[in-house]
N, C-alpha and C. Protein backbone atom coordinates (compact mmCIF):
# COMPACT_ATOMS: atom_id res chain seq x y z
N UNK A 1 102.65 73.67 80.81
CA UNK A 1 102.72 73.62 82.51
C UNK A 1 102.28 74.33 83.41
N UNK A 2 102.16 72.94 84.42
CA UNK A 2 102.04 73.62 86.25
C UNK A 2 102.86 72.81 87.16
N UNK A 3 102.86 74.50 87.61
CA UNK A 3 103.50 73.88 88.82
C UNK A 3 103.28 74.80 90.30
N UNK A 4 103.91 74.57 91.13
CA UNK A 4 102.98 75.36 92.87
C UNK A 4 104.39 76.20 93.23
N UNK A 5 104.39 76.97 92.84
CA UNK A 5 105.41 77.95 94.39
C UNK A 5 104.37 78.13 95.63
N UNK A 6 104.48 77.54 96.94
CA UNK A 6 103.95 77.62 98.13
C UNK A 6 102.98 77.57 98.10
N UNK A 7 101.72 77.74 98.12
CA UNK A 7 100.16 77.42 97.83
C UNK A 7 99.82 78.12 96.83
N UNK A 8 100.40 78.55 96.35
CA UNK A 8 99.43 79.05 94.63
C UNK A 8 100.30 78.36 93.46
N UNK A 9 99.45 77.25 92.80
CA UNK A 9 99.23 77.41 91.40
C UNK A 9 99.91 77.39 90.77
N UNK A 10 100.48 78.51 89.64
CA UNK A 10 101.02 78.71 88.63
C UNK A 10 100.55 78.10 87.39
N UNK A 11 100.24 78.38 86.31
CA UNK A 11 99.88 78.41 85.10
C UNK A 11 100.71 78.08 83.02
N UNK A 12 101.21 77.82 83.50
CA UNK A 12 101.42 78.54 81.75
C UNK A 12 101.52 77.54 80.20
N UNK A 13 100.89 78.85 79.74
CA UNK A 13 99.92 78.34 78.25
C UNK A 13 101.94 77.66 77.56
N UNK A 14 101.72 76.93 76.36
CA UNK A 14 102.43 76.63 75.72
C UNK A 14 102.28 77.84 74.59
N UNK A 15 101.46 78.15 74.51
CA UNK A 15 101.01 79.34 73.93
C UNK A 15 101.45 81.02 73.87
N UNK A 16 101.62 80.31 75.32
CA UNK A 16 102.18 81.74 76.04
C UNK A 16 103.51 81.65 75.56
N UNK A 17 104.19 80.97 75.32
CA UNK A 17 105.85 80.56 74.82
C UNK A 17 106.18 81.46 73.66
N UNK A 18 105.14 80.12 72.88
CA UNK A 18 105.31 80.87 71.38
C UNK A 18 105.02 81.60 71.01
N UNK A 19 104.08 82.91 71.64
CA UNK A 19 103.36 84.25 71.40
C UNK A 19 105.03 85.63 71.72
N UNK A 20 105.67 84.67 72.16
CA UNK A 20 106.58 85.94 72.75
C UNK A 20 108.18 84.92 71.93
N UNK A 21 107.92 84.46 71.50
CA UNK A 21 108.56 83.82 70.68
C UNK A 21 108.33 84.32 69.09
N UNK A 22 106.80 84.82 69.04
CA UNK A 22 106.69 84.79 67.24
C UNK A 22 107.25 86.63 67.77
N UNK A 23 106.97 87.58 68.67
CA UNK A 23 107.05 88.97 68.91
C UNK A 23 107.84 89.06 68.46
N UNK A 24 109.45 87.90 69.25
CA UNK A 24 110.81 88.82 69.70
C UNK A 24 111.57 88.59 67.91
N UNK A 25 111.01 87.46 67.45
CA UNK A 25 110.96 87.39 66.30
C UNK A 25 110.52 88.41 64.61
N UNK A 26 109.37 88.29 64.98
CA UNK A 26 108.78 88.65 63.71
C UNK A 26 108.33 91.40 64.03
N UNK A 27 108.93 91.08 64.96
CA UNK A 27 108.69 92.66 64.82
C UNK A 27 110.23 92.96 64.94
N UNK A 28 110.25 94.06 64.73
CA UNK A 28 111.59 94.13 64.43
C UNK A 28 111.69 95.78 65.22
N UNK A 29 110.59 96.05 65.11
CA UNK A 29 110.68 97.46 66.02
C UNK A 29 111.08 97.45 67.01
N UNK A 30 110.27 96.12 67.57
CA UNK A 30 111.16 95.95 69.52
C UNK A 30 109.57 96.02 70.19
N UNK A 31 108.97 97.26 69.87
CA UNK A 31 108.08 97.51 70.29
C UNK A 31 107.34 96.60 71.06
N UNK A 32 106.54 95.66 70.64
CA UNK A 32 106.12 94.60 70.81
C UNK A 32 106.28 93.97 72.06
N UNK A 33 107.75 93.52 71.52
CA UNK A 33 107.76 92.82 72.56
C UNK A 33 108.16 93.64 74.39
N UNK A 34 108.68 94.94 73.54
CA UNK A 34 108.61 95.84 75.01
C UNK A 34 107.79 95.23 76.04
N UNK A 35 106.22 95.62 74.93
CA UNK A 35 104.70 95.99 75.24
C UNK A 35 104.89 94.56 76.84
N UNK A 36 105.20 93.20 75.63
CA UNK A 36 105.48 91.96 77.10
C UNK A 36 105.41 91.91 77.71
N UNK A 37 106.66 92.37 77.96
CA UNK A 37 108.04 92.42 78.84
C UNK A 37 107.02 93.37 79.85
N UNK A 38 107.08 94.41 79.26
CA UNK A 38 106.32 95.83 80.48
C UNK A 38 105.03 94.72 80.91
N UNK A 39 104.27 94.43 80.91
CA UNK A 39 102.72 93.64 80.97
C UNK A 39 103.53 92.45 81.65
N UNK A 40 104.35 91.75 82.02
CA UNK A 40 104.40 90.85 82.94
C UNK A 40 105.64 91.20 84.24
N UNK A 41 106.16 92.09 84.44
CA UNK A 41 106.52 92.81 85.14
C UNK A 41 105.82 93.79 85.80
N UNK A 42 104.28 94.29 84.84
CA UNK A 42 103.72 94.95 85.16
C UNK A 42 103.08 93.58 86.66
N UNK A 43 102.07 93.49 85.83
CA UNK A 43 101.64 91.20 86.64
C UNK A 43 102.90 90.53 87.78
N UNK A 44 104.07 91.16 88.19
CA UNK A 44 105.36 90.60 88.11
C UNK A 44 104.85 91.28 89.78
N UNK A 45 104.51 92.53 89.75
CA UNK A 45 104.49 93.99 90.59
C UNK A 45 103.05 93.53 91.95
N UNK A 46 101.74 93.06 91.23
CA UNK A 46 101.16 92.60 91.55
C UNK A 46 101.12 91.44 92.80
N UNK A 47 102.10 90.72 92.38
CA UNK A 47 102.64 89.43 92.90
C UNK A 47 103.77 89.36 93.43
N UNK A 48 103.83 90.06 93.63
CA UNK A 48 105.23 90.35 94.47
C UNK A 48 104.45 91.19 95.71
N UNK A 49 103.85 92.13 95.50
CA UNK A 49 102.90 92.90 96.09
C UNK A 49 102.38 92.07 97.30
N UNK A 50 101.83 90.82 96.79
CA UNK A 50 100.55 89.74 96.91
C UNK A 50 101.27 88.79 97.72
N UNK A 51 102.80 88.62 97.84
CA UNK A 51 103.60 87.37 98.24
C UNK A 51 103.98 88.33 99.39
N UNK A 52 104.19 89.71 99.54
CA UNK A 52 104.50 89.78 100.66
C UNK A 52 103.59 90.82 101.73
N UNK A 53 102.68 90.45 101.26
CA UNK A 53 101.60 90.94 102.28
C UNK A 53 101.23 89.35 103.40
N UNK A 54 100.55 89.44 104.37
CA UNK A 54 100.69 88.22 104.71
C UNK A 54 98.88 88.43 104.16
N UNK A 55 99.21 87.00 104.22
CA UNK A 55 97.47 86.00 104.14
C UNK A 55 97.58 86.65 102.29
N UNK A 56 97.91 87.37 101.15
CA UNK A 56 97.64 87.73 100.33
C UNK A 56 97.99 87.09 99.67
N UNK A 57 98.49 86.23 99.68
CA UNK A 57 99.26 85.58 98.93
C UNK A 57 98.14 84.89 97.25
N UNK A 58 98.56 84.95 96.36
CA UNK A 58 97.74 84.61 95.19
C UNK A 58 96.91 83.14 95.00
N UNK A 59 96.40 82.75 94.46
CA UNK A 59 95.20 81.04 95.06
C UNK A 59 95.89 80.75 93.80
N UNK A 60 96.27 81.13 92.24
CA UNK A 60 96.00 81.29 91.02
C UNK A 60 96.83 82.11 89.77
N UNK A 61 97.83 81.69 89.08
CA UNK A 61 98.35 82.78 87.39
C UNK A 61 98.30 81.84 86.72
N UNK A 62 97.70 82.18 85.77
CA UNK A 62 97.48 81.68 84.55
C UNK A 62 98.25 82.61 83.70
N UNK A 63 99.03 82.00 82.94
CA UNK A 63 99.80 82.54 81.54
C UNK A 63 99.14 81.87 80.83
N UNK A 64 98.33 82.65 79.50
CA UNK A 64 98.42 82.46 78.19
C UNK A 64 98.47 83.59 77.26
N UNK A 65 98.33 83.07 75.93
CA UNK A 65 98.31 84.49 74.84
C UNK A 65 97.44 85.51 75.21
N UNK A 66 96.15 85.12 76.29
CA UNK A 66 95.22 86.35 76.19
C UNK A 66 95.28 86.97 77.15
N UNK A 67 97.04 87.11 78.09
CA UNK A 67 97.39 87.53 79.75
C UNK A 67 97.15 86.53 80.25
N UNK A 68 97.51 86.95 81.41
CA UNK A 68 98.30 87.38 82.95
C UNK A 68 96.45 87.41 83.92
N UNK A 69 96.15 85.71 84.99
CA UNK A 69 95.34 86.04 85.17
C UNK A 69 95.83 85.78 87.05
N UNK A 70 95.88 86.34 87.80
CA UNK A 70 95.47 86.36 88.99
C UNK A 70 95.19 86.48 89.86
N UNK A 71 94.24 85.09 90.25
CA UNK A 71 93.27 84.86 91.40
C UNK A 71 93.69 84.74 92.66
N UNK A 72 92.56 85.91 93.22
CA UNK A 72 93.23 86.27 94.90
C UNK A 72 92.24 85.32 95.40
N UNK A 73 93.24 85.29 96.37
CA UNK A 73 92.21 84.18 97.06
C UNK A 73 91.02 85.10 98.33
N UNK A 74 89.17 84.91 98.27
CA UNK A 74 88.24 85.86 99.36
C UNK A 74 88.89 86.13 100.03
N UNK A 75 89.06 87.33 101.09
CA UNK A 75 89.66 88.33 101.10
C UNK A 75 88.78 89.84 101.27
N UNK A 76 89.36 90.41 102.74
CA UNK A 76 89.04 91.55 102.99
C UNK A 76 88.61 92.22 101.54
N UNK A 77 86.85 92.38 100.64
CA UNK A 77 86.82 93.39 99.65
C UNK A 77 87.62 95.50 99.77
N UNK A 78 87.77 95.59 100.65
CA UNK A 78 88.52 96.73 100.77
C UNK A 78 89.57 96.94 102.30
N UNK A 79 90.63 95.95 101.77
CA UNK A 79 90.83 95.82 102.85
C UNK A 79 92.29 97.47 102.44
N UNK A 80 93.72 98.05 103.24
CA UNK A 80 94.85 98.63 102.49
C UNK A 80 95.49 98.09 101.87
N UNK A 81 96.20 96.19 101.93
CA UNK A 81 96.93 95.30 100.82
C UNK A 81 95.94 95.56 99.76
N UNK A 82 94.32 95.77 98.81
CA UNK A 82 95.17 95.29 98.02
C UNK A 82 94.27 96.76 97.06
N UNK A 83 94.69 97.81 98.01
CA UNK A 83 95.30 99.34 97.47
C UNK A 83 96.76 99.27 96.49
N UNK A 84 97.65 98.87 98.21
CA UNK A 84 99.06 98.58 97.56
C UNK A 84 98.99 97.32 96.20
N UNK A 85 98.12 95.98 96.63
CA UNK A 85 98.29 94.88 95.62
C UNK A 85 98.25 95.60 93.69
N UNK A 86 97.15 96.93 94.44
CA UNK A 86 96.46 97.16 92.40
C UNK A 86 97.31 98.34 92.31
N UNK A 87 97.71 98.89 92.66
CA UNK A 87 98.89 99.45 93.09
C UNK A 87 100.09 99.41 92.56
N UNK A 88 100.65 97.95 93.27
CA UNK A 88 102.25 97.63 92.75
C UNK A 88 102.33 97.78 90.88
N UNK A 89 101.41 97.23 90.54
CA UNK A 89 101.46 96.94 89.06
C UNK A 89 102.78 98.06 88.47
N UNK A 90 101.48 99.22 88.70
CA UNK A 90 102.01 100.87 87.56
C UNK A 90 103.41 100.82 88.29
N UNK A 91 103.82 100.65 89.69
CA UNK A 91 104.80 101.60 90.82
C UNK A 91 106.19 100.57 90.06
N UNK A 92 106.13 99.18 89.72
CA UNK A 92 106.85 99.11 89.08
C UNK A 92 106.99 99.20 87.28
N UNK A 93 105.93 99.88 86.14
CA UNK A 93 106.45 100.09 85.07
C UNK A 93 106.85 101.80 85.67
N UNK A 94 106.86 101.76 86.79
CA UNK A 94 106.90 103.73 86.69
C UNK A 94 108.49 103.35 87.16
N UNK A 95 109.23 103.16 87.76
CA UNK A 95 110.37 102.41 88.34
C UNK A 95 111.01 100.83 87.02
N UNK A 96 111.20 101.05 86.04
CA UNK A 96 111.50 100.69 85.40
C UNK A 96 112.10 101.53 83.94
N UNK A 97 110.98 102.19 84.47
CA UNK A 97 110.90 103.25 83.10
C UNK A 97 111.91 104.64 83.83
N UNK A 98 112.23 104.57 85.00
CA UNK A 98 113.39 105.14 85.15
C UNK A 98 114.80 105.19 85.41
N UNK A 99 114.45 103.54 85.67
CA UNK A 99 115.53 102.78 85.02
C UNK A 99 116.57 102.53 84.13
N UNK A 100 115.74 102.76 83.17
CA UNK A 100 116.44 102.16 81.41
C UNK A 100 116.06 103.21 80.89
N UNK A 101 115.31 104.54 81.52
CA UNK A 101 115.92 105.90 80.17
C UNK A 101 116.85 106.59 79.79
N UNK A 102 118.55 106.23 80.49
CA UNK A 102 119.16 106.65 80.08
C UNK A 102 119.81 105.59 78.79
N UNK A 103 119.44 104.67 78.57
CA UNK A 103 120.05 103.10 77.98
C UNK A 103 118.89 102.61 77.02
N UNK A 104 117.51 102.76 77.94
CA UNK A 104 116.74 101.72 77.25
C UNK A 104 115.09 102.33 76.71
N UNK A 105 115.49 103.61 75.99
CA UNK A 105 114.42 103.96 75.48
C UNK A 105 113.11 103.89 75.22
N UNK A 106 113.07 103.17 74.58
CA UNK A 106 111.65 102.86 74.11
C UNK A 106 111.15 102.05 74.66
N UNK A 107 111.57 101.20 75.35
CA UNK A 107 111.62 100.19 76.59
C UNK A 107 110.47 100.81 78.27
N UNK A 108 111.16 102.40 78.37
CA UNK A 108 111.85 102.62 79.42
C UNK A 108 109.86 104.09 78.54
N UNK A 109 109.03 104.42 77.26
CA UNK A 109 108.60 104.11 77.52
C UNK A 109 107.64 103.74 77.28
N UNK A 110 107.37 103.09 76.46
CA UNK A 110 106.27 101.51 76.99
C UNK A 110 105.67 101.38 77.68
N UNK A 111 107.39 101.24 79.27
CA UNK A 111 106.23 100.91 80.54
C UNK A 111 106.05 102.25 81.25
N UNK A 112 106.38 103.56 81.18
CA UNK A 112 106.17 104.97 81.54
C UNK A 112 104.59 104.79 81.00
N UNK A 113 103.72 104.81 79.88
CA UNK A 113 102.56 104.35 79.39
C UNK A 113 101.64 103.42 79.35
N UNK A 114 102.50 102.03 79.61
CA UNK A 114 101.85 101.28 80.31
C UNK A 114 101.63 100.98 81.89
N UNK A 115 102.33 101.96 82.75
CA UNK A 115 101.63 101.80 84.08
C UNK A 115 101.18 103.91 84.00
N UNK A 116 100.92 104.16 82.90
CA UNK A 116 100.25 105.54 83.59
C UNK A 116 98.61 105.53 83.40
N UNK A 117 98.14 104.02 82.14
CA UNK A 117 97.57 103.61 81.64
C UNK A 117 96.54 103.82 82.14
N UNK A 118 96.90 102.68 82.94
CA UNK A 118 96.48 100.90 84.27
C UNK A 118 96.12 102.08 86.07
N UNK A 119 97.00 103.42 85.79
CA UNK A 119 96.61 103.78 87.31
C UNK A 119 95.48 104.86 86.81
N UNK A 120 94.90 105.17 85.76
CA UNK A 120 94.10 106.19 85.11
C UNK A 120 92.65 105.71 86.13
N UNK A 121 92.31 106.97 86.61
CA UNK A 121 90.94 106.16 87.33
C UNK A 121 90.32 106.22 87.06
N UNK A 122 90.29 105.00 85.64
CA UNK A 122 88.75 104.86 84.65
C UNK A 122 88.25 103.28 85.06
N UNK A 123 86.91 102.71 85.98
CA UNK A 123 86.53 101.29 85.84
C UNK A 123 87.77 100.40 84.53
N UNK A 124 88.12 99.68 85.62
CA UNK A 124 88.09 98.09 84.86
C UNK A 124 89.84 98.25 84.67
N UNK A 125 90.57 99.41 84.83
CA UNK A 125 90.88 99.27 85.54
C UNK A 125 91.91 99.53 86.90
N UNK A 126 93.20 100.04 87.46
CA UNK A 126 94.02 98.75 88.38
C UNK A 126 93.48 100.78 89.71
N UNK A 127 93.82 101.62 88.17
CA UNK A 127 93.41 103.05 89.21
C UNK A 127 91.57 102.82 88.97
N UNK A 128 91.40 101.73 89.23
CA UNK A 128 89.60 102.17 89.43
C UNK A 128 89.37 101.87 90.05
N UNK A 129 89.64 100.20 90.02
CA UNK A 129 89.98 99.51 91.73
C UNK A 129 90.10 100.47 92.48
N UNK A 130 90.84 101.35 93.02
CA UNK A 130 92.19 101.75 94.01
C UNK A 130 91.05 102.76 93.97
N UNK A 131 90.88 103.10 92.78
CA UNK A 131 89.54 104.53 94.00
C UNK A 131 87.65 103.36 94.21
N UNK A 132 87.28 103.07 93.71
CA UNK A 132 86.35 102.95 93.90
C UNK A 132 86.82 102.03 95.64
N UNK A 133 87.87 101.39 95.76
CA UNK A 133 87.88 100.98 97.73
C UNK A 133 87.99 102.22 97.81
N UNK A 134 88.73 103.29 98.15
CA UNK A 134 89.08 104.60 98.68
C UNK A 134 87.91 105.11 98.65
N UNK A 135 87.13 105.00 97.97
CA UNK A 135 85.61 105.80 98.26
C UNK A 135 84.91 105.25 99.04
N UNK A 136 84.62 104.35 98.49
CA UNK A 136 83.81 102.93 99.80
C UNK A 136 83.97 102.65 101.44
N UNK A 137 85.03 104.14 101.66
CA UNK A 137 85.70 103.86 102.63
C UNK A 137 85.38 105.22 103.60
N UNK A 138 84.39 105.94 102.54
CA UNK A 138 84.68 107.30 102.88
C UNK A 138 82.72 107.33 102.72
N UNK A 139 82.46 106.42 101.94
CA UNK A 139 80.37 106.91 101.88
C UNK A 139 80.11 105.88 101.60
N UNK A 140 78.84 105.07 101.78
CA UNK A 140 77.81 103.40 101.09
C UNK A 140 78.10 103.41 100.07
N UNK A 141 77.90 102.31 99.94
CA UNK A 141 78.20 101.80 98.35
C UNK A 141 77.47 102.05 96.82
N UNK A 142 76.55 103.31 97.79
CA UNK A 142 75.82 103.26 96.15
C UNK A 142 76.58 104.87 95.58
N UNK A 143 76.92 105.68 96.40
CA UNK A 143 77.21 106.34 95.69
C UNK A 143 78.70 106.78 95.38
N UNK A 144 79.31 105.18 95.95
CA UNK A 144 80.78 105.02 95.19
C UNK A 144 80.58 104.68 94.12
N UNK A 145 80.14 103.77 93.83
CA UNK A 145 79.69 103.11 92.55
C UNK A 145 79.49 103.91 91.14
N UNK A 146 78.00 104.77 91.69
CA UNK A 146 77.91 106.35 90.92
C UNK A 146 79.00 107.35 91.04
N UNK A 147 79.83 107.62 91.53
CA UNK A 147 80.33 108.58 91.78
C UNK A 147 82.42 108.39 90.76
N UNK A 148 82.51 106.87 90.92
CA UNK A 148 83.78 106.32 90.35
C UNK A 148 82.79 106.32 89.02
N UNK A 149 81.56 106.07 88.39
CA UNK A 149 81.71 106.54 87.24
C UNK A 149 81.83 107.09 86.73
N UNK A 150 81.11 108.31 86.69
CA UNK A 150 81.65 109.68 87.17
C UNK A 150 82.69 110.00 86.46
N UNK A 151 83.28 109.24 87.91
CA UNK A 151 84.81 110.05 87.32
C UNK A 151 85.99 108.79 86.49
N UNK A 152 85.19 107.83 86.27
CA UNK A 152 85.54 106.93 84.65
C UNK A 152 85.11 108.44 83.34
N UNK A 153 83.96 108.50 83.34
CA UNK A 153 83.90 108.10 82.19
C UNK A 153 84.69 110.29 81.71
N UNK A 154 83.63 111.01 82.74
CA UNK A 154 84.76 112.21 83.02
C UNK A 154 86.39 111.93 82.58
N UNK A 155 87.23 110.52 83.21
CA UNK A 155 88.55 110.96 82.39
C UNK A 155 88.63 110.25 80.94
N UNK A 156 88.12 109.05 80.48
CA UNK A 156 87.02 109.23 79.40
C UNK A 156 87.21 109.77 78.56
N UNK A 157 86.22 110.73 78.08
CA UNK A 157 85.50 111.94 77.85
C UNK A 157 86.82 112.33 77.79
N UNK A 158 87.58 113.30 78.66
CA UNK A 158 88.76 113.90 77.96
C UNK A 158 90.18 113.42 77.44
N UNK A 159 89.63 112.22 77.69
CA UNK A 159 90.82 111.64 76.69
C UNK A 159 91.01 111.61 75.54
N UNK A 160 89.05 111.11 75.19
CA UNK A 160 89.00 111.34 73.56
C UNK A 160 88.58 112.32 73.08
N UNK A 161 88.58 113.70 74.00
CA UNK A 161 88.73 115.32 73.71
C UNK A 161 90.48 115.79 72.84
N UNK A 162 91.96 115.21 74.13
CA UNK A 162 92.83 115.78 73.72
C UNK A 162 93.02 114.21 72.30
N UNK A 163 92.89 113.04 72.13
CA UNK A 163 92.78 112.38 71.05
C UNK A 163 92.18 112.91 69.85
N UNK A 164 91.37 113.56 70.26
CA UNK A 164 91.20 114.22 68.80
C UNK A 164 91.55 115.17 68.41
N UNK A 165 92.51 116.19 70.02
CA UNK A 165 93.32 117.28 69.50
C UNK A 165 94.52 116.73 68.53
N UNK A 166 94.62 115.49 68.83
CA UNK A 166 96.05 115.19 68.33
C UNK A 166 96.19 114.75 66.93
N UNK A 167 94.29 113.89 66.99
CA UNK A 167 94.67 112.98 65.20
C UNK A 167 94.47 114.70 64.25
N UNK A 168 93.96 115.44 65.28
CA UNK A 168 93.47 116.62 64.33
C UNK A 168 94.64 116.89 63.56
N UNK A 169 95.85 117.69 64.67
CA UNK A 169 97.41 118.03 64.27
C UNK A 169 98.34 116.84 63.66
N UNK A 170 98.41 115.96 63.79
CA UNK A 170 99.24 114.73 63.06
C UNK A 170 98.20 114.08 61.86
N UNK A 171 97.47 114.92 61.10
CA UNK A 171 96.11 114.05 60.69
C UNK A 171 96.75 112.63 60.68
N UNK A 172 97.03 111.78 61.44
CA UNK A 172 97.15 110.17 61.26
C UNK A 172 97.61 109.61 62.74
N UNK A 173 98.09 110.51 63.96
CA UNK A 173 97.90 109.77 64.94
C UNK A 173 96.26 109.24 65.53
N UNK A 174 96.42 107.83 65.45
CA UNK A 174 95.09 107.28 66.33
C UNK A 174 95.24 105.96 66.97
N UNK A 175 96.47 106.73 67.78
CA UNK A 175 96.77 106.09 68.93
C UNK A 175 95.71 106.17 70.57
N UNK A 176 95.49 107.66 70.56
CA UNK A 176 95.19 108.33 71.91
C UNK A 176 93.25 107.48 72.61
N UNK A 177 93.08 108.30 71.19
CA UNK A 177 91.51 107.84 70.35
C UNK A 177 91.49 105.80 70.97
N UNK A 178 92.67 105.19 70.25
CA UNK A 178 92.10 103.16 70.59
C UNK A 178 92.58 103.34 72.29
N UNK A 179 93.13 103.94 72.04
CA UNK A 179 93.64 103.13 73.92
C UNK A 179 92.53 104.04 74.39
N UNK A 180 92.06 104.37 74.44
CA UNK A 180 90.79 105.07 75.03
C UNK A 180 89.71 104.09 75.17
N UNK A 181 89.72 104.13 73.05
CA UNK A 181 88.16 103.32 72.76
C UNK A 181 88.31 101.77 73.44
N UNK A 182 90.19 101.34 74.52
CA UNK A 182 90.51 100.27 74.85
C UNK A 182 89.96 100.64 76.32
N UNK A 183 90.09 101.39 76.46
CA UNK A 183 89.87 101.13 78.46
C UNK A 183 88.45 101.77 78.37
N UNK A 184 87.43 102.65 77.31
CA UNK A 184 85.86 102.38 77.71
C UNK A 184 85.64 101.07 77.11
N UNK A 185 85.95 100.11 76.99
CA UNK A 185 85.38 98.46 77.02
C UNK A 185 85.84 98.67 77.86
N UNK A 186 87.10 98.26 78.27
CA UNK A 186 87.48 97.54 79.95
C UNK A 186 86.63 97.89 81.39
N UNK A 187 86.65 99.80 80.93
CA UNK A 187 85.49 99.61 82.12
C UNK A 187 84.42 99.22 81.91
N UNK A 188 83.75 98.55 81.63
CA UNK A 188 82.27 97.96 82.01
C UNK A 188 82.43 96.41 82.38
N UNK A 189 84.28 96.38 82.64
CA UNK A 189 84.86 94.90 84.05
C UNK A 189 84.24 95.54 85.14
N UNK A 190 83.54 94.74 86.14
CA UNK A 190 84.05 95.23 88.00
C UNK A 190 85.77 95.28 87.91
N UNK A 191 85.79 95.50 89.06
CA UNK A 191 87.27 95.94 89.22
C UNK A 191 87.13 95.66 91.11
N UNK A 192 86.31 95.89 91.07
CA UNK A 192 86.40 96.28 92.91
C UNK A 192 85.65 94.02 93.21
N UNK A 193 86.12 93.84 93.06
CA UNK A 193 85.51 92.54 93.46
C UNK A 193 86.52 91.94 94.27
N UNK A 194 86.66 90.66 94.85
CA UNK A 194 86.58 89.56 95.01
C UNK A 194 87.56 89.18 94.81
N UNK A 195 88.05 88.82 93.44
CA UNK A 195 89.08 87.83 92.31
C UNK A 195 89.51 88.83 91.95
N UNK A 196 90.55 89.58 92.50
CA UNK A 196 91.56 90.02 91.23
C UNK A 196 92.26 89.65 90.43
N UNK A 197 92.41 90.20 88.86
CA UNK A 197 92.19 89.36 87.63
C UNK A 197 93.04 91.17 86.92
N UNK A 198 94.60 90.20 86.34
CA UNK A 198 95.36 90.92 85.52
C UNK A 198 95.57 90.77 84.52
N UNK A 199 95.54 92.36 83.23
CA UNK A 199 94.98 91.42 82.03
C UNK A 199 95.74 92.06 81.18
N UNK A 200 97.05 92.16 80.61
CA UNK A 200 98.00 93.35 80.12
C UNK A 200 96.96 92.68 78.31
């Protein structure tokens, strides 16, 4: 399915709807569906920020089973608008967590975790992109890139230590270590480029 909203091309795969249906029908705990909805709301935050800022509207949005891809128009790489766009996704997650905490705690927890993970100063995540932009305003590109990598891997090392402690204490909970491994893999992808790509 392809349609246009203003000048933005929106592509939605049939398999995206199939994934939502399978998640809704097969996951009795509801965690998977909560995660998918929280991720969609996260990406909607990015899109809303793009539409709200002048000349920042996305060129194309693609929804597929592999995630949401937002292609940004080629504009200034280190503008203030980019920081707001990157922060908007986690902002929506935190807002959803606050609103639903009292009557839908499971969704609130998933939204909170997703928001925190995305705002961490790790390359490949929204927080990593914000970090690179802020560092680039006060130093040359070479130093900012090096500093971002140091901060990113320091954060991942701290998460690994905490995850290992949780595993030892609980003897079965690999969740934080698994998240750390996923973030480490994603940190290999650059974030501060001219194309904004959202993934859940």
